[in-house]
Each structure stands twice: as structure tokens, then as C-alpha cells.
């Protein structure tokens, strides 16, 4: 079981090295959207507390 997980991680690493532009843009975009959503929800929650 542990060997299978390690093998899958190695395959994922090799794939992400080939597709580095897609992976990096996806992670950056995900971080930005997550931050925007948290900011928006935080403003709504702050409004309801007052």
C-alpha cells in the first residue's frame, strides 16, 4: 500500500513537471479566488455581527 502511494506521488510529480505552466497558474488562480471568497464572506459575517 505504501509503495503504491509513493509511486502515485512520483507519477504526479513527473506530470506536474511536464505541465508546470498549467499547474502553477491553477494554484495561483485558486489562491486568489479563495482569498476573494474569504474576504467577501468575512465582510458579510462582520455586517451581521453589528
PDB file of N, CA and C in Angstrom:
ATOM      1  N   UNK A   1       0.829  -1.197   0.000  1.00  0.00           N
ATOM      2  CA  UNK A   1       0.000   0.000   0.000  1.00  0.00           C
ATOM      3  C   UNK A   1       0.874   1.261   0.000  1.00  0.00           C
ATOM      4  N   UNK A   2       1.893   1.274   0.853  1.00  0.00           N
ATOM      5  CA  UNK A   2       2.775   2.443   0.937  1.00  0.00           C
ATOM      6  C   UNK A   2       3.537   2.638  -0.372  1.00  0.00           C
ATOM      7  N   UNK A   3       3.942   1.540  -0.986  1.00  0.00           N
ATOM      8  CA  UNK A   3       4.659   1.622  -2.259  1.00  0.00           C
ATOM      9  C   UNK A   3       3.796   2.188  -3.372  1.00  0.00           C
ATOM     10  N   UNK A   4       2.504   1.851  -3.355  1.00  0.00           N
ATOM     11  CA  UNK A   4       1.577   2.362  -4.369  1.00  0.00           C
ATOM     12  C   UNK A   4       1.422   3.870  -4.223  1.00  0.00           C
ATOM     13  N   UNK A   5       1.293   4.336  -2.984  1.00  0.00           N
ATOM     14  CA  UNK A   5       1.143   5.772  -2.735  1.00  0.00           C
ATOM     15  C   UNK A   5       2.393   6.526  -3.186  1.00  0.00           C
ATOM     16  N   UNK A   6       3.553   5.990  -2.859  1.00  0.00           N
ATOM     17  CA  UNK A   6       4.808   6.628  -3.262  1.00  0.00           C
ATOM     18  C   UNK A   6       4.920   6.666  -4.781  1.00  0.00           C
ATOM     19  N   UNK A   7       4.541   5.572  -5.441  1.00  0.00           N
ATOM     20  CA  UNK A   7       4.586   5.523  -6.905  1.00  0.00           C
ATOM     21  C   UNK A   7       3.645   6.554  -7.524  1.00  0.00           C
ATOM     22  N   UNK A   8       2.447   6.695  -6.963  1.00  0.00           N
ATOM     23  CA  UNK A   8       1.482   7.683  -7.475  1.00  0.00           C
ATOM     24  C   UNK A   8       2.000   9.110  -7.273  1.00  0.00           C
ATOM     25  N   UNK A   9       2.649   9.367  -6.126  1.00  0.00           N
ATOM     26  CA  UNK A   9       3.222  10.688  -5.883  1.00  0.00           C
ATOM     27  C   UNK A   9       4.344  11.004  -6.869  1.00  0.00           C
ATOM     28  N   UNK A  10       5.152  10.005  -7.183  1.00  0.00           N
ATOM     29  CA  UNK A  10       6.225  10.195  -8.163  1.00  0.00           C
ATOM     30  C   UNK A  10       5.637  10.487  -9.538  1.00  0.00           C
ATOM     31  N   UNK A  11       4.578   9.751  -9.918  1.00  0.00           N
ATOM     32  CA  UNK A  11       3.926   9.998 -11.208  1.00  0.00           C
ATOM     33  C   UNK A  11       3.313  11.395 -11.254  1.00  0.00           C
ATOM     34  N   UNK A  12       2.687  11.815 -10.153  1.00  0.00           N
ATOM     35  CA  UNK A  12       2.101  13.152 -10.083  1.00  0.00           C
ATOM     36  C   UNK A  12       3.182  14.223 -10.214  1.00  0.00           C
ATOM     37  N   UNK A  13       4.314  13.996  -9.574  1.00  0.00           N
ATOM     38  CA  UNK A  13       5.426  14.942  -9.646  1.00  0.00           C
ATOM     39  C   UNK A  13       5.963  15.043 -11.076  1.00  0.00           C
ATOM     40  N   UNK A  14       6.123  13.907 -11.736  1.00  0.00           N
ATOM     41  CA  UNK A  14       6.606  13.922 -13.120  1.00  0.00           C
ATOM     42  C   UNK A  14       5.610  14.629 -14.032  1.00  0.00           C
ATOM     43  N   UNK A  15       4.314  14.381 -13.822  1.00  0.00           N
ATOM     44  CA  UNK A  15       3.294  15.034 -14.638  1.00  0.00           C
ATOM     45  C   UNK A  15       3.304  16.542 -14.417  1.00  0.00           C
ATOM     46  N   UNK A  16       3.410  16.972 -13.159  1.00  0.00           N
ATOM     47  CA  UNK A  16       3.396  18.407 -12.872  1.00  0.00           C
ATOM     48  C   UNK A  16       4.651  19.100 -13.402  1.00  0.00           C
ATOM     49  N   UNK A  17       5.760  18.370 -13.499  1.00  0.00           N
ATOM     50  CA  UNK A  17       6.960  18.961 -14.095  1.00  0.00           C
ATOM     51  C   UNK A  17       6.773  19.191 -15.591  1.00  0.00           C
ATOM     52  N   UNK A  18       6.043  18.285 -16.245  1.00  0.00           N
ATOM     53  CA  UNK A  18       5.782  18.453 -17.677  1.00  0.00           C
ATOM     54  C   UNK A  18       4.780  19.578 -17.918  1.00  0.00           C
ATOM     55  N   UNK A  19       3.823  19.716 -17.030  1.00  0.00           N
ATOM     56  CA  UNK A  19       2.748  20.707 -17.188  1.00  0.00           C
ATOM     57  C   UNK A  19       2.912  21.839 -16.179  1.00  0.00           C
ATOM     58  N   UNK A  20       4.125  22.307 -15.963  1.00  0.00           N
ATOM     59  CA  UNK A  20       4.396  23.266 -14.884  1.00  0.00           C
ATOM     60  C   UNK A  20       3.628  24.560 -15.057  1.00  0.00           C
ATOM     61  N   UNK A  21       3.418  25.021 -16.291  1.00  0.00           N
ATOM     62  CA  UNK A  21       2.710  26.280 -16.501  1.00  0.00           C
ATOM     63  C   UNK A  21       1.242  26.151 -16.098  1.00  0.00           C
ATOM     64  N   UNK A  22       0.622  25.048 -16.477  1.00  0.00           N
ATOM     65  CA  UNK A  22      -0.782  24.817 -16.124  1.00  0.00           C
ATOM     66  C   UNK A  22      -0.933  24.677 -14.615  1.00  0.00           C
ATOM     67  N   UNK A  23      -0.070  23.893 -14.004  1.00  0.00           N
ATOM     68  CA  UNK A  23      -0.160  23.654 -12.560  1.00  0.00           C
ATOM     69  C   UNK A  23       0.074  24.944 -11.783  1.00  0.00           C
ATOM     70  N   UNK A  24       1.076  25.717 -12.163  1.00  0.00           N
ATOM     71  CA  UNK A  24       1.368  26.947 -11.418  1.00  0.00           C
ATOM     72  C   UNK A  24       0.268  27.984 -11.597  1.00  0.00           C
ATOM     73  N   UNK A  25      -0.273  28.110 -12.805  1.00  0.00           N
ATOM     74  CA  UNK A  25      -1.360  29.078 -12.999  1.00  0.00           C
ATOM     75  C   UNK A  25      -2.620  28.637 -12.266  1.00  0.00           C
ATOM     76  N   UNK A  26      -2.884  27.337 -12.224  1.00  0.00           N
ATOM     77  CA  UNK A  26      -4.050  26.834 -11.495  1.00  0.00           C
ATOM     78  C   UNK A  26      -3.923  27.101 -10.000  1.00  0.00           C
ATOM     79  N   UNK A  27      -2.759  26.830  -9.433  1.00  0.00           N
ATOM     80  CA  UNK A  27      -2.590  27.053  -7.996  1.00  0.00           C
ATOM     81  C   UNK A  27      -2.641  28.536  -7.654  1.00  0.00           C
ATOM     82  N   UNK A  28      -2.079  29.385  -8.502  1.00  0.00           N
ATOM     83  CA  UNK A  28      -2.137  30.830  -8.244  1.00  0.00           C
ATOM     84  C   UNK A  28      -3.568  31.336  -8.332  1.00  0.00           C
ATOM     85  N   UNK A  29      -4.291  30.893  -9.347  1.00  0.00           N
ATOM     86  CA  UNK A  29      -5.677  31.319  -9.517  1.00  0.00           C
ATOM     87  C   UNK A  29      -6.545  30.814  -8.371  1.00  0.00           C
ATOM     88  N   UNK A  30      -6.308  29.592  -7.942  1.00  0.00           N
ATOM     89  CA  UNK A  30      -7.066  29.039  -6.826  1.00  0.00           C
ATOM     90  C   UNK A  30      -6.832  29.857  -5.566  1.00  0.00           C
ATOM     91  N   UNK A  31      -5.593  30.234  -5.308  1.00  0.00           N
ATOM     92  CA  UNK A  31      -5.285  31.049  -4.131  1.00  0.00           C
ATOM     93  C   UNK A  31      -5.967  32.402  -4.168  1.00  0.00           C
ATOM     94  N   UNK A  32      -5.983  33.010  -5.346  1.00  0.00           N
ATOM     95  CA  UNK A  32      -6.628  34.324  -5.478  1.00  0.00           C
ATOM     96  C   UNK A  32      -8.127  34.215  -5.245  1.00  0.00           C
ATOM     97  N   UNK A  33      -8.777  33.238  -5.878  1.00  0.00           N
ATOM     98  CA  UNK A  33     -10.228  33.077  -5.704  1.00  0.00           C
ATOM     99  C   UNK A  33     -10.577  32.740  -4.265  1.00  0.00           C
ATOM    100  N   UNK A  34      -9.775  31.888  -3.632  1.00  0.00           N
ATOM    101  CA  UNK A  34     -10.025  31.523  -2.238  1.00  0.00           C
ATOM    102  C   UNK A  34      -9.936  32.759  -1.348  1.00  0.00           C
ATOM    103  N   UNK A  35      -8.950  33.608  -1.591  1.00  0.00           N
ATOM    104  CA  UNK A  35      -8.799  34.832  -0.814  1.00  0.00           C
ATOM    105  C   UNK A  35      -9.971  35.778  -1.036  1.00  0.00           C
ATOM    106  N   UNK A  36     -10.404  35.924  -2.285  1.00  0.00           N
ATOM    107  CA  UNK A  36     -11.542  36.794  -2.578  1.00  0.00           C
ATOM    108  C   UNK A  36     -12.823  36.292  -1.921  1.00  0.00           C
ATOM    109  N   UNK A  37     -13.050  34.994  -1.969  1.00  0.00           N
ATOM    110  CA  UNK A  37     -14.255  34.419  -1.357  1.00  0.00           C
ATOM    111  C   UNK A  37     -14.228  34.610   0.148  1.00  0.00           C
ATOM    112  N   UNK A  38     -13.076  34.368   0.770  1.00  0.00           N
ATOM    113  CA  UNK A  38     -12.982  34.564   2.216  1.00  0.00           C
ATOM    114  C   UNK A  38     -13.183  36.024   2.594  1.00  0.00           C
ATOM    115  N   UNK A  39     -12.646  36.932   1.799  1.00  0.00           N
ATOM    116  CA  UNK A  39     -12.844  38.359   2.079  1.00  0.00           C
ATOM    117  C   UNK A  39     -14.317  38.729   1.969  1.00  0.00           C
ATOM    118  N   UNK A  40     -14.981  38.234   0.944  1.00  0.00           N
ATOM    119  CA  UNK A  40     -16.398  38.534   0.744  1.00  0.00           C
ATOM    120  C   UNK A  40     -17.237  37.961   1.884  1.00  0.00           C
ATOM    121  N   UNK A  41     -16.980  36.714   2.251  1.00  0.00           N
ATOM    122  CA  UNK A  41     -17.738  36.098   3.345  1.00  0.00           C
ATOM    123  C   UNK A  41     -17.440  36.787   4.665  1.00  0.00           C
ATOM    124  N   UNK A  42     -16.197  37.207   4.857  1.00  0.00           N
ATOM    125  CA  UNK A  42     -15.834  37.904   6.084  1.00  0.00           C
ATOM    126  C   UNK A  42     -16.556  39.223   6.224  1.00  0.00           C
ATOM    127  N   UNK A  43     -16.738  39.937   5.123  1.00  0.00           N
ATOM    128  CA  UNK A  43     -17.476  41.199   5.171  1.00  0.00           C
ATOM    129  C   UNK A  43     -18.932  40.948   5.526  1.00  0.00           C
ATOM    130  N   UNK A  44     -19.527  39.907   4.953  1.00  0.00           N
ATOM    131  CA  UNK A  44     -20.921  39.584   5.270  1.00  0.00           C
ATOM    132  C   UNK A  44     -21.078  39.205   6.736  1.00  0.00           C
ATOM    133  N   UNK A  45     -20.158  38.411   7.250  1.00  0.00           N
ATOM    134  CA  UNK A  45     -20.249  38.000   8.652  1.00  0.00           C
ATOM    135  C   UNK A  45     -20.051  39.194   9.572  1.00  0.00           C
ATOM    136  N   UNK A  46     -19.156  40.103   9.202  1.00  0.00           N
ATOM    137  CA  UNK A  46     -18.913  41.285  10.023  1.00  0.00           C
ATOM    138  C   UNK A  46     -20.158  42.172  10.051  1.00  0.00           C
ATOM    139  N   UNK A  47     -20.868  42.268   8.936  1.00  0.00           N
ATOM    140  CA  UNK A  47     -22.081  43.074   8.865  1.00  0.00           C
ATOM    141  C   UNK A  47     -23.173  42.510   9.776  1.00  0.00           C
ATOM    142  N   UNK A  48     -23.286  41.185   9.831  1.00  0.00           N
ATOM    143  CA  UNK A  48     -24.333  40.559  10.640  1.00  0.00           C
ATOM    144  C   UNK A  48     -24.052  40.665  12.135  1.00  0.00           C
ATOM    145  N   UNK A  49     -22.784  40.787  12.516  1.00  0.00           N
ATOM    146  CA  UNK A  49     -22.448  40.870  13.937  1.00  0.00           C
ATOM    147  C   UNK A  49     -22.837  42.213  14.528  1.00  0.00           C
ATOM    148  N   UNK A  50     -22.865  43.258  13.740  1.00  0.00           N
ATOM    149  CA  UNK A  50     -23.142  44.596  14.275  1.00  0.00           C
ATOM    150  C   UNK A  50     -24.615  44.831  14.454  1.00  0.00           C
TER     151      UNK A  50
END
